[in-house]
Amino acid sequence: MAEQSIRIKIAGREYPLKVTSPEQEEVIRKAADDIRKMTEAYQQRFKDKQMIEILSLVALNVCISNITLNRQIKNLEKGEEALAKEISGYLENIDRNSR
C-alpha cells in the first residue's frame, strides 16, 4: 500500500495523518476511538473540567495501562524463561536415564 492520507478527530479537532498499511490505519482509528470514548466518560464524570484537563486524565490513564501491560509482559517472559530451563532440565535428565 502506498502512503495514504487519513483524518482522525480527537477532542473536536481533526488531524491529518499518513498511513502506509491498512493495519496501521486500523490501529490509528481504534486509538482515536478509544480516546473519544475515554474523553466522553471523563467529561460526564468531571463536568467542570476543561478539555486540557480531560485529555491529561486520558493520557495518564493510557500511560498507566501501558506500564501495567509492559510489567505483565516482563513477568510472563521471566516465567517463560523459568519454564524453558525446567523443561531443559527434565529433558537432560531423561536423556541421562535412557543411556
N, C-alpha and C. Protein backbone atom coordinates (compact mmCIF):
# COMPACT_ATOMS: atom_id res chain seq x y z
N MET A 1 0.85 -1.19 0.00
CA MET A 1 0.00 0.00 0.00
C MET A 1 0.88 1.23 0.00
N ALA A 2 0.61 2.12 -0.89
CA ALA A 2 1.32 3.39 -0.90
C ALA A 2 0.82 4.26 0.25
N GLU A 3 1.57 5.26 0.57
CA GLU A 3 1.17 6.16 1.65
C GLU A 3 -0.20 6.75 1.34
N GLN A 4 -1.06 6.76 2.36
CA GLN A 4 -2.42 7.25 2.19
C GLN A 4 -2.72 8.26 3.28
N SER A 5 -3.46 9.30 2.93
CA SER A 5 -3.86 10.32 3.90
C SER A 5 -5.18 9.93 4.54
N ILE A 6 -5.24 10.08 5.86
CA ILE A 6 -6.49 9.88 6.59
C ILE A 6 -6.68 11.07 7.53
N ARG A 7 -7.89 11.20 8.05
CA ARG A 7 -8.18 12.24 9.02
C ARG A 7 -8.83 11.57 10.23
N ILE A 8 -8.36 11.97 11.40
CA ILE A 8 -8.99 11.49 12.63
C ILE A 8 -9.40 12.70 13.45
N LYS A 9 -10.34 12.48 14.34
CA LYS A 9 -10.81 13.57 15.19
C LYS A 9 -10.56 13.20 16.64
N ILE A 10 -9.92 14.13 17.35
CA ILE A 10 -9.67 13.96 18.78
C ILE A 10 -10.07 15.25 19.47
N ALA A 11 -10.95 15.13 20.45
CA ALA A 11 -11.42 16.28 21.23
C ALA A 11 -11.95 17.41 20.34
N GLY A 12 -12.67 17.03 19.31
CA GLY A 12 -13.28 18.02 18.43
C GLY A 12 -12.37 18.61 17.37
N ARG A 13 -11.14 18.19 17.34
CA ARG A 13 -10.20 18.71 16.34
C ARG A 13 -9.81 17.60 15.38
N GLU A 14 -9.72 17.95 14.11
CA GLU A 14 -9.31 16.98 13.10
C GLU A 14 -7.80 17.04 12.88
N TYR A 15 -7.23 15.87 12.67
CA TYR A 15 -5.80 15.76 12.44
C TYR A 15 -5.56 14.94 11.17
N PRO A 16 -4.84 15.51 10.21
CA PRO A 16 -4.49 14.74 9.02
C PRO A 16 -3.25 13.88 9.33
N LEU A 17 -3.32 12.62 8.95
CA LEU A 17 -2.20 11.71 9.17
C LEU A 17 -1.94 10.92 7.90
N LYS A 18 -0.77 10.36 7.80
CA LYS A 18 -0.42 9.49 6.68
C LYS A 18 -0.22 8.09 7.24
N VAL A 19 -0.75 7.10 6.52
CA VAL A 19 -0.58 5.70 6.90
C VAL A 19 0.02 4.94 5.73
N THR A 20 0.69 3.85 6.06
CA THR A 20 1.35 3.06 5.00
C THR A 20 0.78 1.66 4.86
N SER A 21 -0.21 1.32 5.70
CA SER A 21 -0.82 0.00 5.59
C SER A 21 -2.23 0.04 6.18
N PRO A 22 -3.06 -0.88 5.75
CA PRO A 22 -4.40 -0.97 6.33
C PRO A 22 -4.36 -1.26 7.84
N GLU A 23 -3.37 -2.05 8.26
CA GLU A 23 -3.23 -2.37 9.68
C GLU A 23 -2.92 -1.11 10.49
N GLN A 24 -2.02 -0.27 9.96
CA GLN A 24 -1.68 0.97 10.64
C GLN A 24 -2.90 1.88 10.73
N GLU A 25 -3.66 1.97 9.65
CA GLU A 25 -4.87 2.79 9.67
C GLU A 25 -5.86 2.27 10.72
N GLU A 26 -6.02 0.96 10.77
CA GLU A 26 -6.94 0.37 11.75
C GLU A 26 -6.53 0.71 13.18
N VAL A 27 -5.23 0.59 13.47
CA VAL A 27 -4.73 0.88 14.81
C VAL A 27 -4.95 2.35 15.16
N ILE A 28 -4.65 3.23 14.23
CA ILE A 28 -4.82 4.67 14.48
C ILE A 28 -6.29 5.01 14.71
N ARG A 29 -7.16 4.48 13.88
CA ARG A 29 -8.59 4.76 14.04
C ARG A 29 -9.12 4.18 15.35
N LYS A 30 -8.65 3.00 15.73
CA LYS A 30 -9.05 2.40 17.00
C LYS A 30 -8.56 3.24 18.17
N ALA A 31 -7.33 3.72 18.10
CA ALA A 31 -6.78 4.56 19.15
C ALA A 31 -7.59 5.85 19.29
N ALA A 32 -7.91 6.48 18.17
CA ALA A 32 -8.71 7.72 18.20
C ALA A 32 -10.09 7.44 18.79
N ASP A 33 -10.68 6.30 18.46
CA ASP A 33 -11.99 5.95 19.01
C ASP A 33 -11.90 5.70 20.52
N ASP A 34 -10.83 5.02 20.96
CA ASP A 34 -10.63 4.79 22.40
C ASP A 34 -10.48 6.12 23.13
N ILE A 35 -9.72 7.04 22.56
CA ILE A 35 -9.54 8.36 23.16
C ILE A 35 -10.89 9.07 23.26
N ARG A 36 -11.69 8.99 22.19
CA ARG A 36 -13.01 9.61 22.18
C ARG A 36 -13.87 9.06 23.31
N LYS A 37 -13.89 7.74 23.46
CA LYS A 37 -14.70 7.11 24.50
C LYS A 37 -14.24 7.53 25.90
N MET A 38 -12.93 7.52 26.12
CA MET A 38 -12.41 7.92 27.43
C MET A 38 -12.69 9.39 27.70
N THR A 39 -12.53 10.22 26.68
CA THR A 39 -12.79 11.65 26.83
C THR A 39 -14.24 11.89 27.22
N GLU A 40 -15.15 11.22 26.53
CA GLU A 40 -16.58 11.37 26.84
C GLU A 40 -16.88 10.91 28.26
N ALA A 41 -16.29 9.80 28.68
CA ALA A 41 -16.52 9.29 30.03
C ALA A 41 -16.03 10.29 31.08
N TYR A 42 -14.84 10.84 30.87
CA TYR A 42 -14.32 11.82 31.82
C TYR A 42 -15.13 13.11 31.80
N GLN A 43 -15.61 13.53 30.64
CA GLN A 43 -16.43 14.74 30.56
C GLN A 43 -17.72 14.57 31.35
N GLN A 44 -18.30 13.40 31.30
CA GLN A 44 -19.52 13.16 32.07
C GLN A 44 -19.24 13.12 33.56
N ARG A 45 -18.09 12.58 33.91
CA ARG A 45 -17.72 12.44 35.32
C ARG A 45 -17.26 13.76 35.93
N PHE A 46 -16.52 14.54 35.15
CA PHE A 46 -15.96 15.81 35.63
C PHE A 46 -16.48 16.95 34.76
N LYS A 47 -17.71 17.34 34.97
CA LYS A 47 -18.37 18.33 34.12
C LYS A 47 -17.72 19.72 34.19
N ASP A 48 -17.02 20.00 35.27
CA ASP A 48 -16.42 21.32 35.44
C ASP A 48 -14.99 21.43 34.89
N LYS A 49 -14.45 20.35 34.37
CA LYS A 49 -13.06 20.35 33.89
C LYS A 49 -12.98 20.81 32.43
N GLN A 50 -11.89 21.50 32.13
CA GLN A 50 -11.63 21.92 30.75
C GLN A 50 -11.06 20.74 29.95
N MET A 51 -11.12 20.85 28.63
CA MET A 51 -10.68 19.76 27.76
C MET A 51 -9.22 19.40 28.00
N ILE A 52 -8.36 20.35 28.28
CA ILE A 52 -6.94 20.04 28.52
C ILE A 52 -6.79 19.15 29.75
N GLU A 53 -7.62 19.40 30.77
CA GLU A 53 -7.57 18.56 31.96
C GLU A 53 -8.11 17.16 31.66
N ILE A 54 -9.17 17.10 30.87
CA ILE A 54 -9.74 15.81 30.47
C ILE A 54 -8.71 15.01 29.68
N LEU A 55 -8.06 15.65 28.71
CA LEU A 55 -7.06 14.96 27.90
C LEU A 55 -5.86 14.53 28.74
N SER A 56 -5.53 15.32 29.76
CA SER A 56 -4.44 14.93 30.66
C SER A 56 -4.81 13.66 31.42
N LEU A 57 -6.06 13.55 31.85
CA LEU A 57 -6.51 12.34 32.54
C LEU A 57 -6.51 11.14 31.60
N VAL A 58 -6.92 11.36 30.35
CA VAL A 58 -6.89 10.29 29.35
C VAL A 58 -5.45 9.83 29.14
N ALA A 59 -4.54 10.78 28.97
CA ALA A 59 -3.13 10.43 28.76
C ALA A 59 -2.57 9.66 29.96
N LEU A 60 -2.91 10.10 31.17
CA LEU A 60 -2.46 9.40 32.36
C LEU A 60 -3.00 7.97 32.39
N ASN A 61 -4.28 7.82 32.08
CA ASN A 61 -4.91 6.50 32.05
C ASN A 61 -4.22 5.59 31.04
N VAL A 62 -3.94 6.09 29.85
CA VAL A 62 -3.29 5.30 28.81
C VAL A 62 -1.88 4.91 29.25
N CYS A 63 -1.15 5.84 29.84
CA CYS A 63 0.22 5.53 30.28
C CYS A 63 0.22 4.49 31.40
N ILE A 64 -0.72 4.60 32.33
CA ILE A 64 -0.82 3.62 33.41
C ILE A 64 -1.07 2.23 32.81
N SER A 65 -1.99 2.16 31.86
CA SER A 65 -2.28 0.88 31.21
C SER A 65 -1.05 0.33 30.49
N ASN A 66 -0.33 1.20 29.80
CA ASN A 66 0.87 0.80 29.07
C ASN A 66 1.94 0.25 30.02
N ILE A 67 2.17 0.94 31.11
CA ILE A 67 3.17 0.49 32.09
C ILE A 67 2.75 -0.84 32.70
N THR A 68 1.48 -0.96 33.04
CA THR A 68 0.97 -2.20 33.62
C THR A 68 1.14 -3.37 32.65
N LEU A 69 0.80 -3.16 31.40
CA LEU A 69 0.95 -4.22 30.40
C LEU A 69 2.40 -4.58 30.18
N ASN A 70 3.29 -3.59 30.14
CA ASN A 70 4.72 -3.88 29.98
C ASN A 70 5.25 -4.70 31.14
N ARG A 71 4.80 -4.40 32.36
CA ARG A 71 5.21 -5.18 33.52
C ARG A 71 4.69 -6.61 33.42
N GLN A 72 3.45 -6.77 32.98
CA GLN A 72 2.89 -8.11 32.82
C GLN A 72 3.67 -8.89 31.77
N ILE A 73 4.06 -8.24 30.69
CA ILE A 73 4.84 -8.91 29.65
C ILE A 73 6.19 -9.36 30.21
N LYS A 74 6.86 -8.49 30.96
CA LYS A 74 8.16 -8.86 31.56
C LYS A 74 8.01 -10.04 32.50
N ASN A 75 6.93 -10.03 33.30
CA ASN A 75 6.71 -11.16 34.22
C ASN A 75 6.44 -12.45 33.45
N LEU A 76 5.68 -12.36 32.39
CA LEU A 76 5.43 -13.55 31.55
C LEU A 76 6.72 -14.05 30.90
N GLU A 77 7.56 -13.12 30.46
CA GLU A 77 8.84 -13.52 29.85
C GLU A 77 9.73 -14.22 30.88
N LYS A 78 9.74 -13.71 32.11
CA LYS A 78 10.52 -14.37 33.16
C LYS A 78 9.98 -15.76 33.44
N GLY A 79 8.67 -15.88 33.48
CA GLY A 79 8.05 -17.19 33.68
C GLY A 79 8.36 -18.14 32.55
N GLU A 80 8.36 -17.62 31.33
CA GLU A 80 8.69 -18.43 30.16
C GLU A 80 10.12 -18.94 30.25
N GLU A 81 11.04 -18.06 30.65
CA GLU A 81 12.45 -18.46 30.78
C GLU A 81 12.60 -19.55 31.84
N ALA A 82 11.89 -19.39 32.96
CA ALA A 82 11.97 -20.38 34.03
C ALA A 82 11.42 -21.73 33.56
N LEU A 83 10.31 -21.70 32.84
CA LEU A 83 9.75 -22.95 32.32
C LEU A 83 10.67 -23.60 31.30
N ALA A 84 11.28 -22.81 30.45
CA ALA A 84 12.21 -23.35 29.45
C ALA A 84 13.39 -24.04 30.14
N LYS A 85 13.92 -23.43 31.20
CA LYS A 85 15.02 -24.04 31.95
C LYS A 85 14.56 -25.34 32.61
N GLU A 86 13.36 -25.31 33.17
CA GLU A 86 12.83 -26.51 33.83
C GLU A 86 12.64 -27.64 32.82
N ILE A 87 12.08 -27.33 31.67
CA ILE A 87 11.89 -28.34 30.62
C ILE A 87 13.23 -28.88 30.15
N SER A 88 14.19 -27.98 29.97
CA SER A 88 15.52 -28.41 29.54
C SER A 88 16.13 -29.36 30.56
N GLY A 89 15.95 -29.07 31.84
CA GLY A 89 16.45 -29.95 32.89
C GLY A 89 15.80 -31.32 32.84
N TYR A 90 14.49 -31.34 32.66
CA TYR A 90 13.78 -32.62 32.54
C TYR A 90 14.29 -33.42 31.35
N LEU A 91 14.47 -32.75 30.22
CA LEU A 91 14.94 -33.44 29.02
C LEU A 91 16.34 -33.99 29.20
N GLU A 92 17.20 -33.22 29.86
CA GLU A 92 18.55 -33.71 30.12
C GLU A 92 18.52 -34.92 31.04
N ASN A 93 17.63 -34.86 32.04
CA ASN A 93 17.50 -35.98 32.98
C ASN A 93 16.99 -37.23 32.26
N ILE A 94 16.03 -37.06 31.39
CA ILE A 94 15.50 -38.19 30.61
C ILE A 94 16.60 -38.77 29.73
N ASP A 95 17.38 -37.87 29.10
CA ASP A 95 18.46 -38.32 28.22
C ASP A 95 19.50 -39.11 29.00
N ARG A 96 19.86 -38.65 30.19
CA ARG A 96 20.85 -39.34 31.02
C ARG A 96 20.33 -40.70 31.49
N ASN A 97 19.06 -40.75 31.83
CA ASN A 97 18.47 -42.01 32.33
C ASN A 97 18.21 -43.03 31.25
N SER A 98 18.14 -42.56 30.00
CA SER A 98 17.86 -43.52 28.90
C SER A 98 19.12 -44.15 28.37
N ARG A 99 20.28 -43.79 28.86
CA ARG A 99 21.55 -44.38 28.37
C ARG A 99 21.89 -45.62 29.08
